[in-house]
PDB file of N, CA and C in Angstrom:
ATOM      1  N   MET A   1      11.153 -17.377  -3.461  1.00  0.00           N
ATOM      2  CA  MET A   1      10.426 -18.403  -2.679  1.00  0.00           C
ATOM      3  C   MET A   1       9.033 -17.483  -3.491  1.00  0.00           C
ATOM      4  N   ASN A   2       8.341 -18.828  -3.514  1.00  0.00           N
ATOM      5  CA  ASN A   2       6.940 -18.659  -3.643  1.00  0.00           C
ATOM      6  C   ASN A   2       5.980 -18.787  -2.362  1.00  0.00           C
ATOM      7  N   GLN A   3       5.030 -17.777  -2.195  1.00  0.00           N
ATOM      8  CA  GLN A   3       4.379 -17.873  -0.982  1.00  0.00           C
ATOM      9  C   GLN A   3       3.206 -18.826  -1.086  1.00  0.00           C
ATOM     10  N   SER A   4       2.876 -19.365  -0.451  1.00  0.00           N
ATOM     11  CA  SER A   4       1.442 -20.079  -0.765  1.00  0.00           C
ATOM     12  C   SER A   4       0.301 -19.181  -0.922  1.00  0.00           C
ATOM     13  N   PRO A   5      -0.841 -19.645  -1.633  1.00  0.00           N
ATOM     14  CA  PRO A   5      -1.804 -18.740  -2.045  1.00  0.00           C
ATOM     15  C   PRO A   5      -2.759 -18.450  -0.845  1.00  0.00           C
ATOM     16  N   ASP A   6      -2.670 -19.262   0.049  1.00  0.00           N
ATOM     17  CA  ASP A   6      -3.480 -18.429   1.656  1.00  0.00           C
ATOM     18  C   ASP A   6      -2.924 -17.639   2.229  1.00  0.00           C
ATOM     19  N   ILE A   7      -1.598 -17.437   1.923  1.00  0.00           N
ATOM     20  CA  ILE A   7      -0.747 -16.338   2.641  1.00  0.00           C
ATOM     21  C   ILE A   7      -1.069 -14.969   2.310  1.00  0.00           C
ATOM     22  N   GLU A   8      -1.428 -14.038   2.994  1.00  0.00           N
ATOM     23  CA  GLU A   8      -1.339 -12.641   2.631  1.00  0.00           C
ATOM     24  C   GLU A   8      -0.727 -11.431   3.175  1.00  0.00           C
ATOM     25  N   ARG A   9       0.257 -10.838   2.717  1.00  0.00           N
ATOM     26  CA  ARG A   9       1.259 -10.054   3.205  1.00  0.00           C
ATOM     27  C   ARG A   9       0.252  -8.738   3.215  1.00  0.00           C
ATOM     28  N   ILE A  10       0.222  -8.056   4.072  1.00  0.00           N
ATOM     29  CA  ILE A  10      -0.566  -6.537   3.841  1.00  0.00           C
ATOM     30  C   ILE A  10       0.343  -5.586   4.321  1.00  0.00           C
ATOM     31  N   ILE A  11       0.013  -4.373   4.473  1.00  0.00           N
ATOM     32  CA  ILE A  11       0.655  -3.255   5.283  1.00  0.00           C
ATOM     33  C   ILE A  11      -0.448  -2.601   5.826  1.00  0.00           C
ATOM     34  N   VAL A  12      -0.278  -2.133   6.881  1.00  0.00           N
ATOM     35  CA  VAL A  12      -1.141  -1.320   7.928  1.00  0.00           C
ATOM     36  C   VAL A  12      -0.781   0.010   8.210  1.00  0.00           C
ATOM     37  N   ARG A  13      -1.047   1.029   7.856  1.00  0.00           N
ATOM     38  CA  ARG A  13      -0.388   2.123   8.310  1.00  0.00           C
ATOM     39  C   ARG A  13      -0.606   2.859   9.596  1.00  0.00           C
ATOM     40  N   ALA A  14      -0.048   3.282  10.449  1.00  0.00           N
ATOM     41  CA  ALA A  14       0.080   4.057  11.709  1.00  0.00           C
ATOM     42  C   ALA A  14      -1.809   4.334  11.753  1.00  0.00           C
ATOM     43  N   ARG A  15      -2.046   4.298  12.890  1.00  0.00           N
ATOM     44  CA  ARG A  15      -3.426   4.404  13.217  1.00  0.00           C
ATOM     45  C   ARG A  15      -4.663   4.041  12.079  1.00  0.00           C
ATOM     46  N   SER A  16      -4.704   3.051  11.528  1.00  0.00           N
ATOM     47  CA  SER A  16      -5.550   2.798  10.329  1.00  0.00           C
ATOM     48  C   SER A  16      -5.789   0.899  11.014  1.00  0.00           C
ATOM     49  N   VAL A  17      -7.312   0.685  10.375  1.00  0.00           N
ATOM     50  CA  VAL A  17      -7.833  -0.594  10.867  1.00  0.00           C
ATOM     51  C   VAL A  17      -8.094  -1.382   9.496  1.00  0.00           C
ATOM     52  N   THR A  18      -7.737  -2.597  10.178  1.00  0.00           N
ATOM     53  CA  THR A  18      -7.879  -3.496   8.491  1.00  0.00           C
ATOM     54  C   THR A  18      -8.937  -4.871   9.104  1.00  0.00           C
ATOM     55  N   ARG A  19     -10.050  -4.781   8.547  1.00  0.00           N
ATOM     56  CA  ARG A  19     -11.206  -5.658   9.004  1.00  0.00           C
ATOM     57  C   ARG A  19     -10.942  -7.134   8.505  1.00  0.00           C
ATOM     58  N   ILE A  20     -11.129  -8.400   9.352  1.00  0.00           N
ATOM     59  CA  ILE A  20     -10.901  -9.676   9.133  1.00  0.00           C
ATOM     60  C   ILE A  20     -12.252 -10.382   9.273  1.00  0.00           C
ATOM     61  N   GLU A  21     -13.341 -10.582   8.038  1.00  0.00           N
ATOM     62  CA  GLU A  21     -14.403 -11.147   8.409  1.00  0.00           C
ATOM     63  C   GLU A  21     -14.369 -12.548   8.405  1.00  0.00           C
ATOM     64  N   GLU A  22     -14.978 -13.105   9.364  1.00  0.00           N
ATOM     65  CA  GLU A  22     -15.315 -14.649   9.591  1.00  0.00           C
ATOM     66  C   GLU A  22     -13.760 -15.122   9.263  1.00  0.00           C
ATOM     67  N   GLY A  23     -12.425 -14.589  10.678  1.00  0.00           N
ATOM     68  CA  GLY A  23     -11.318 -15.313  10.506  1.00  0.00           C
ATOM     69  C   GLY A  23     -10.892 -16.076  11.444  1.00  0.00           C
ATOM     70  N   GLU A  24     -11.920 -16.798  11.969  1.00  0.00           N
ATOM     71  CA  GLU A  24     -11.645 -18.128  12.983  1.00  0.00           C
ATOM     72  C   GLU A  24     -10.390 -18.671  12.382  1.00  0.00           C
ATOM     73  N   GLY A  25      -9.618 -19.282  12.626  1.00  0.00           N
ATOM     74  CA  GLY A  25      -8.470 -20.298  12.469  1.00  0.00           C
ATOM     75  C   GLY A  25      -7.272 -19.381  11.595  1.00  0.00           C
ATOM     76  N   VAL A  26      -7.463 -18.192  11.278  1.00  0.00           N
ATOM     77  CA  VAL A  26      -6.445 -17.370  10.767  1.00  0.00           C
ATOM     78  C   VAL A  26      -4.883 -16.874  11.531  1.00  0.00           C
ATOM     79  N   ALA A  27      -3.854 -17.155  11.334  1.00  0.00           N
ATOM     80  CA  ALA A  27      -2.893 -16.705  12.125  1.00  0.00           C
ATOM     81  C   ALA A  27      -2.584 -15.441  11.308  1.00  0.00           C
ATOM     82  N   VAL A  28      -2.505 -14.198  12.487  1.00  0.00           N
ATOM     83  CA  VAL A  28      -2.114 -12.917  12.008  1.00  0.00           C
ATOM     84  C   VAL A  28      -0.401 -13.004  12.796  1.00  0.00           C
ATOM     85  N   THR A  29       0.429 -12.720  11.800  1.00  0.00           N
ATOM     86  CA  THR A  29       2.012 -12.405  12.219  1.00  0.00           C
ATOM     87  C   THR A  29       2.036 -11.111  12.032  1.00  0.00           C
ATOM     88  N   CYS A  30       2.392 -10.478  12.969  1.00  0.00           N
ATOM     89  CA  CYS A  30       3.211  -9.116  12.761  1.00  0.00           C
ATOM     90  C   CYS A  30       4.805  -9.034  12.391  1.00  0.00           C
ATOM     91  N   CYS A  31       4.978  -8.568  11.347  1.00  0.00           N
ATOM     92  CA  CYS A  31       6.473  -8.504  10.967  1.00  0.00           C
ATOM     93  C   CYS A  31       7.167  -7.669  11.422  1.00  0.00           C
ATOM     94  N   LYS A  32       6.417  -6.373  10.847  1.00  0.00           N
ATOM     95  CA  LYS A  32       7.220  -4.943  11.277  1.00  0.00           C
ATOM     96  C   LYS A  32       6.174  -4.218  12.246  1.00  0.00           C
ATOM     97  N   GLY A  33       6.833  -3.475  13.027  1.00  0.00           N
ATOM     98  CA  GLY A  33       5.709  -2.373  13.486  1.00  0.00           C
ATOM     99  C   GLY A  33       4.933  -3.368  14.588  1.00  0.00           C
ATOM    100  N   ALA A  34       3.729  -2.558  15.226  1.00  0.00           N
ATOM    101  CA  ALA A  34       2.883  -3.092  16.672  1.00  0.00           C
ATOM    102  C   ALA A  34       1.788  -2.986  15.811  1.00  0.00           C
ATOM    103  N   ILE A  35       0.673  -4.035  16.372  1.00  0.00           N
ATOM    104  CA  ILE A  35      -0.518  -4.168  16.114  1.00  0.00           C
ATOM    105  C   ILE A  35      -1.139  -4.718  17.115  1.00  0.00           C
ATOM    106  N   TRP A  36      -2.796  -4.234  17.278  1.00  0.00           N
ATOM    107  CA  TRP A  36      -3.571  -4.292  18.389  1.00  0.00           C
ATOM    108  C   TRP A  36      -4.860  -5.103  17.736  1.00  0.00           C
ATOM    109  N   ILE A  37      -4.955  -6.370  18.096  1.00  0.00           N
ATOM    110  CA  ILE A  37      -6.219  -7.025  17.668  1.00  0.00           C
ATOM    111  C   ILE A  37      -7.001  -7.094  18.495  1.00  0.00           C
ATOM    112  N   THR A  38      -8.549  -7.201  18.235  1.00  0.00           N
ATOM    113  CA  THR A  38      -9.838  -7.361  18.985  1.00  0.00           C
ATOM    114  C   THR A  38     -10.736  -8.190  17.942  1.00  0.00           C
ATOM    115  N   GLN A  39     -11.421  -9.180  18.525  1.00  0.00           N
ATOM    116  CA  GLN A  39     -12.403  -9.869  18.149  1.00  0.00           C
ATOM    117  C   GLN A  39     -13.757  -9.783  18.485  1.00  0.00           C
ATOM    118  N   ALA A  40     -14.668 -10.160  17.729  1.00  0.00           N
ATOM    119  CA  ALA A  40     -16.001 -10.086  18.010  1.00  0.00           C
ATOM    120  C   ALA A  40     -16.352 -11.119  19.509  1.00  0.00           C
ATOM    121  N   ASN A  41     -17.213 -10.422  20.080  1.00  0.00           N
ATOM    122  CA  ASN A  41     -17.380 -11.324  21.525  1.00  0.00           C
ATOM    123  C   ASN A  41     -16.383 -11.702  22.277  1.00  0.00           C
ATOM    124  N   ASP A  42     -15.220 -11.052  22.353  1.00  0.00           N
ATOM    125  CA  ASP A  42     -14.211 -11.772  23.238  1.00  0.00           C
ATOM    126  C   ASP A  42     -13.257 -10.286  23.890  1.00  0.00           C
ATOM    127  N   ALA A  43     -13.472 -10.316  25.279  1.00  0.00           N
ATOM    128  CA  ALA A  43     -13.241  -9.323  25.853  1.00  0.00           C
ATOM    129  C   ALA A  43     -11.296  -8.886  25.945  1.00  0.00           C
ATOM    130  N   ARG A  44     -10.857  -9.845  25.531  1.00  0.00           N
ATOM    131  CA  ARG A  44      -9.246  -9.663  25.571  1.00  0.00           C
ATOM    132  C   ARG A  44      -8.890  -8.418  24.292  1.00  0.00           C
ATOM    133  N   ASP A  45      -7.854  -8.237  24.963  1.00  0.00           N
ATOM    134  CA  ASP A  45      -6.901  -7.276  23.657  1.00  0.00           C
ATOM    135  C   ASP A  45      -5.791  -7.961  23.553  1.00  0.00           C
ATOM    136  N   VAL A  46      -5.562  -8.075  22.142  1.00  0.00           N
ATOM    137  CA  VAL A  46      -3.949  -8.902  21.761  1.00  0.00           C
ATOM    138  C   VAL A  46      -3.256  -7.834  21.245  1.00  0.00           C
ATOM    139  N   VAL A  47      -2.079  -7.557  21.477  1.00  0.00           N
ATOM    140  CA  VAL A  47      -0.743  -6.703  21.394  1.00  0.00           C
ATOM    141  C   VAL A  47       0.198  -7.497  20.819  1.00  0.00           C
ATOM    142  N   LEU A  48       0.564  -7.429  19.583  1.00  0.00           N
ATOM    143  CA  LEU A  48       1.506  -7.985  18.800  1.00  0.00           C
ATOM    144  C   LEU A  48       2.690  -7.042  18.199  1.00  0.00           C
ATOM    145  N   GLU A  49       3.967  -7.346  18.758  1.00  0.00           N
ATOM    146  CA  GLU A  49       5.050  -6.666  18.045  1.00  0.00           C
ATOM    147  C   GLU A  49       5.671  -7.454  17.103  1.00  0.00           C
ATOM    148  N   ALA A  50       6.825  -6.854  16.385  1.00  0.00           N
ATOM    149  CA  ALA A  50       7.249  -7.483  15.370  1.00  0.00           C
ATOM    150  C   ALA A  50       7.993  -9.154  15.540  1.00  0.00           C
ATOM    151  N   GLY A  51       7.638  -9.986  14.891  1.00  0.00           N
ATOM    152  CA  GLY A  51       7.773 -11.220  15.250  1.00  0.00           C
ATOM    153  C   GLY A  51       6.936 -11.991  16.087  1.00  0.00           C
ATOM    154  N   GLU A  52       5.809 -11.623  16.479  1.00  0.00           N
ATOM    155  CA  GLU A  52       4.789 -12.117  17.200  1.00  0.00           C
ATOM    156  C   GLU A  52       3.403 -12.524  16.297  1.00  0.00           C
ATOM    157  N   SER A  53       2.841 -13.707  16.590  1.00  0.00           N
ATOM    158  CA  SER A  53       1.628 -14.331  16.192  1.00  0.00           C
ATOM    159  C   SER A  53       0.629 -14.369  16.955  1.00  0.00           C
ATOM    160  N   PHE A  54      -0.455 -14.641  16.643  1.00  0.00           N
ATOM    161  CA  PHE A  54      -1.452 -14.783  17.291  1.00  0.00           C
ATOM    162  C   PHE A  54      -2.730 -15.531  16.102  1.00  0.00           C
ATOM    163  N   VAL A  55      -3.351 -16.785  16.690  1.00  0.00           N
ATOM    164  CA  VAL A  55      -4.175 -17.306  15.938  1.00  0.00           C
ATOM    165  C   VAL A  55      -5.575 -16.950  16.320  1.00  0.00           C
ATOM    166  N   LEU A  56      -6.437 -16.352  15.395  1.00  0.00           N
ATOM    167  CA  LEU A  56      -7.498 -15.886  15.604  1.00  0.00           C
ATOM    168  C   LEU A  56      -8.622 -17.106  16.204  1.00  0.00           C
ATOM    169  N   ASP A  57      -9.137 -16.949  16.981  1.00  0.00           N
ATOM    170  CA  ASP A  57     -10.139 -18.067  17.901  1.00  0.00           C
ATOM    171  C   ASP A  57     -11.576 -18.035  17.868  1.00  0.00           C
ATOM    172  N   ARG A  58     -12.148 -16.874  17.302  1.00  0.00           N
ATOM    173  CA  ARG A  58     -13.355 -16.507  17.541  1.00  0.00           C
ATOM    174  C   ARG A  58     -14.070 -16.381  16.099  1.00  0.00           C
ATOM    175  N   PRO A  59     -15.255 -16.966  16.283  1.00  0.00           N
ATOM    176  CA  PRO A  59     -16.069 -16.485  14.776  1.00  0.00           C
ATOM    177  C   PRO A  59     -16.233 -15.171  14.524  1.00  0.00           C
ATOM    178  N   GLY A  60     -16.472 -14.649  13.454  1.00  0.00           N
ATOM    179  CA  GLY A  60     -16.901 -13.059  13.265  1.00  0.00           C
ATOM    180  C   GLY A  60     -16.070 -12.281  12.773  1.00  0.00           C
ATOM    181  N   LEU A  61     -16.387 -10.813  13.019  1.00  0.00           N
ATOM    182  CA  LEU A  61     -15.345  -9.933  12.810  1.00  0.00           C
ATOM    183  C   LEU A  61     -14.020 -10.001  13.747  1.00  0.00           C
ATOM    184  N   ALA A  62     -12.828  -9.369  13.128  1.00  0.00           N
ATOM    185  CA  ALA A  62     -11.754  -9.022  13.856  1.00  0.00           C
ATOM    186  C   ALA A  62     -11.187  -7.936  13.216  1.00  0.00           C
ATOM    187  N   LEU A  63     -10.633  -6.951  14.156  1.00  0.00           N
ATOM    188  CA  LEU A  63      -9.894  -5.974  13.567  1.00  0.00           C
ATOM    189  C   LEU A  63      -8.597  -5.959  14.091  1.00  0.00           C
ATOM    190  N   VAL A  64      -7.702  -5.441  13.292  1.00  0.00           N
ATOM    191  CA  VAL A  64      -6.223  -5.345  13.611  1.00  0.00           C
ATOM    192  C   VAL A  64      -6.181  -3.797  13.164  1.00  0.00           C
ATOM    193  N   PHE A  65      -5.575  -3.406  14.308  1.00  0.00           N
ATOM    194  CA  PHE A  65      -5.218  -1.648  14.473  1.00  0.00           C
ATOM    195  C   PHE A  65      -3.597  -1.616  14.456  1.00  0.00           C
ATOM    196  N   ALA A  66      -3.263  -0.747  13.502  1.00  0.00           N
ATOM    197  CA  ALA A  66      -1.908  -0.314  13.684  1.00  0.00           C
ATOM    198  C   ALA A  66      -1.183   0.656  14.385  1.00  0.00           C
ATOM    199  N   ILE A  67      -0.521   0.143  15.394  1.00  0.00           N
ATOM    200  CA  ILE A  67      -0.237   1.177  16.179  1.00  0.00           C
ATOM    201  C   ILE A  67       0.866   2.161  15.560  1.00  0.00           C
ATOM    202  N   ALA A  68       1.630   1.263  15.168  1.00  0.00           N
ATOM    203  CA  ALA A  68       2.623   1.919  14.033  1.00  0.00           C
ATOM    204  C   ALA A  68       2.727   1.626  12.604  1.00  0.00           C
ATOM    205  N   ASP A  69       3.411   1.911  11.699  1.00  0.00           N
ATOM    206  CA  ASP A  69       3.399   1.558  10.223  1.00  0.00           C
ATOM    207  C   ASP A  69       3.823  -0.233  10.785  1.00  0.00           C
ATOM    208  N   SER A  70       3.126  -0.913   9.904  1.00  0.00           N
ATOM    209  CA  SER A  70       3.076  -2.535  10.144  1.00  0.00           C
ATOM    210  C   SER A  70       3.127  -3.164   8.953  1.00  0.00           C
ATOM    211  N   ALA A  71       4.004  -4.237   9.035  1.00  0.00           N
ATOM    212  CA  ALA A  71       3.829  -5.528   7.972  1.00  0.00           C
ATOM    213  C   ALA A  71       2.969  -6.606   8.881  1.00  0.00           C
ATOM    214  N   VAL A  72       2.046  -7.152   8.201  1.00  0.00           N
ATOM    215  CA  VAL A  72       1.458  -8.059   8.670  1.00  0.00           C
ATOM    216  C   VAL A  72       1.410  -9.422   7.436  1.00  0.00           C
ATOM    217  N   ILE A  73       1.498 -10.557   8.155  1.00  0.00           N
ATOM    218  CA  ILE A  73       0.854 -11.629   7.215  1.00  0.00           C
ATOM    219  C   ILE A  73      -0.359 -12.499   8.045  1.00  0.00           C
ATOM    220  N   LEU A  74      -1.358 -12.715   7.034  1.00  0.00           N
ATOM    221  CA  LEU A  74      -2.346 -13.553   7.278  1.00  0.00           C
ATOM    222  C   LEU A  74      -2.377 -15.087   6.882  1.00  0.00           C
ATOM    223  N   GLY A  75      -2.540 -15.768   7.402  1.00  0.00           N
ATOM    224  CA  GLY A  75      -2.389 -17.342   6.845  1.00  0.00           C
ATOM    225  C   GLY A  75      -3.344 -18.413   7.659  1.00  0.00           C
ATOM    226  N   PRO A  76      -2.902 -19.641   7.157  1.00  0.00           N
ATOM    227  CA  PRO A  76      -3.648 -20.480   7.787  1.00  0.00           C
ATOM    228  C   PRO A  76      -3.123 -20.611   9.368  1.00  0.00           C
ATOM    229  N   GLY A  77      -3.617 -20.984  10.401  1.00  0.00           N
ATOM    230  CA  GLY A  77      -3.077 -21.108  11.569  1.00  0.00           C
ATOM    231  C   GLY A  77      -3.269 -22.801  11.869  1.00  0.00           C
ATOM    232  N   TRP A  78      -2.196 -23.050  12.912  1.00  0.00           N
ATOM    233  CA  TRP A  78      -2.180 -24.624  12.877  1.00  0.00           C
ATOM    234  C   TRP A  78      -2.744 -24.935  14.101  1.00  0.00           C
ATOM    235  N   ARG A  79      -3.138 -26.013  13.939  1.00  0.00           N
ATOM    236  CA  ARG A  79      -3.810 -26.751  15.465  1.00  0.00           C
ATOM    237  C   ARG A  79      -2.865 -28.089  15.295  1.00  0.00           C
ATOM    238  N   ILE A  80      -2.067 -27.856  16.473  1.00  0.00           N
ATOM    239  CA  ILE A  80      -1.046 -29.002  16.915  1.00  0.00           C
ATOM    240  C   ILE A  80      -1.747 -29.535  18.051  1.00  0.00           C
ATOM    241  N   PRO A  81      -1.489 -30.715  17.651  1.00  0.00           N
ATOM    242  CA  PRO A  81      -1.714 -31.544  19.272  1.00  0.00           C
ATOM    243  C   PRO A  81      -0.356 -31.565  20.315  1.00  0.00           C
ATOM    244  N   ALA A  82      -1.035 -31.077  21.226  1.00  0.00           N
ATOM    245  CA  ALA A  82       0.189 -31.385  22.535  1.00  0.00           C
ATOM    246  C   ALA A  82       1.228 -32.564  22.251  1.00  0.00           C
ATOM    247  N   GLY A  83       2.472 -32.282  22.224  1.00  0.00           N
ATOM    248  CA  GLY A  83       3.631 -33.148  22.169  1.00  0.00           C
ATOM    249  C   GLY A  83       3.967 -33.419  20.588  1.00  0.00           C
ATOM    250  N   ALA A  84       3.082 -32.926  19.581  1.00  0.00           N
ATOM    251  CA  ALA A  84       3.441 -33.180  18.303  1.00  0.00           C
ATOM    252  C   ALA A  84       4.779 -32.398  17.917  1.00  0.00           C
ATOM    253  N   SER A  85       5.689 -32.772  16.933  1.00  0.00           N
ATOM    254  CA  SER A  85       6.700 -31.653  16.596  1.00  0.00           C
ATOM    255  C   SER A  85       6.429 -31.500  15.171  1.00  0.00           C
ATOM    256  N   VAL A  86       6.611 -30.370  14.838  1.00  0.00           N
ATOM    257  CA  VAL A  86       6.472 -29.975  13.611  1.00  0.00           C
ATOM    258  C   VAL A  86       7.403 -29.123  12.863  1.00  0.00           C
ATOM    259  N   PRO A  87       7.817 -29.435  11.827  1.00  0.00           N
ATOM    260  CA  PRO A  87       9.069 -28.913  11.041  1.00  0.00           C
ATOM    261  C   PRO A  87       9.311 -27.100  10.834  1.00  0.00           C
ATOM    262  N   VAL A  88      10.102 -26.547  11.396  1.00  0.00           N
ATOM    263  CA  VAL A  88       9.922 -25.261  11.010  1.00  0.00           C
ATOM    264  C   VAL A  88      10.870 -25.285   9.709  1.00  0.00           C
ATOM    265  N   PRO A  89      10.672 -23.913   9.146  1.00  0.00           N
ATOM    266  CA  PRO A  89      11.018 -23.486   8.118  1.00  0.00           C
ATOM    267  C   PRO A  89      12.729 -22.904   8.313  1.00  0.00           C
ATOM    268  N   ALA A  90      13.596 -23.167   7.647  1.00  0.00           N
ATOM    269  CA  ALA A  90      14.794 -22.910   7.639  1.00  0.00           C
ATOM    270  C   ALA A  90      14.765 -21.128   8.317  1.00  0.00           C
ATOM    271  N   GLU A  91      14.430 -20.587   7.066  1.00  0.00           N
ATOM    272  CA  GLU A  91      14.288 -19.344   7.267  1.00  0.00           C
ATOM    273  C   GLU A  91      12.850 -18.472   7.143  1.00  0.00           C
ATOM    274  N   PRO A  92      12.147 -18.829   8.718  1.00  0.00           N
ATOM    275  CA  PRO A  92      10.916 -18.152   8.420  1.00  0.00           C
ATOM    276  C   PRO A  92      10.784 -16.736   8.038  1.00  0.00           C
ATOM    277  N   GLU A  93      11.774 -16.109   8.478  1.00  0.00           N
ATOM    278  CA  GLU A  93      11.827 -14.445   8.285  1.00  0.00           C
ATOM    279  C   GLU A  93      11.427 -13.978   6.920  1.00  0.00           C
ATOM    280  N   ARG A  94      11.761 -14.853   6.097  1.00  0.00           N
ATOM    281  CA  ARG A  94      11.589 -14.599   4.453  1.00  0.00           C
ATOM    282  C   ARG A  94      10.357 -14.315   3.815  1.00  0.00           C
ATOM    283  N   LEU A  95       9.381 -14.869   4.956  1.00  0.00           N
ATOM    284  CA  LEU A  95       7.944 -14.481   4.648  1.00  0.00           C
ATOM    285  C   LEU A  95       7.785 -13.176   5.144  1.00  0.00           C
ATOM    286  N   CYS A  96       8.178 -12.425   5.964  1.00  0.00           N
ATOM    287  CA  CYS A  96       7.994 -11.388   6.180  1.00  0.00           C
ATOM    288  C   CYS A  96       8.677 -10.242   5.072  1.00  0.00           C
ATOM    289  N   ALA A  97       9.938 -10.779   4.252  1.00  0.00           N
ATOM    290  CA  ALA A  97      10.262  -9.693   3.571  1.00  0.00           C
ATOM    291  C   ALA A  97       9.533  -9.284   2.371  1.00  0.00           C
TER     292      ALA A  97
END
């Protein structure tokens, strides 16, 4: 399966940080491990475990800290109107493979 050019799979080692510059609208999916996300000018802490996603919703810098060795996918976030239906790939976990 070919991945879209705007999807990037990264490995973040335990206790390492990955910077995402101007990431507003980027979907961050934790495929393996656990990560902590913080965004500039945002008091929230977002913790994701394997299988969970979050769309960055602030302009500026976002940091992804790996709590454990982690596999992460960065891709376009979807803005879906309420009540809309969205097709889901039959095997979405293949993106994490």
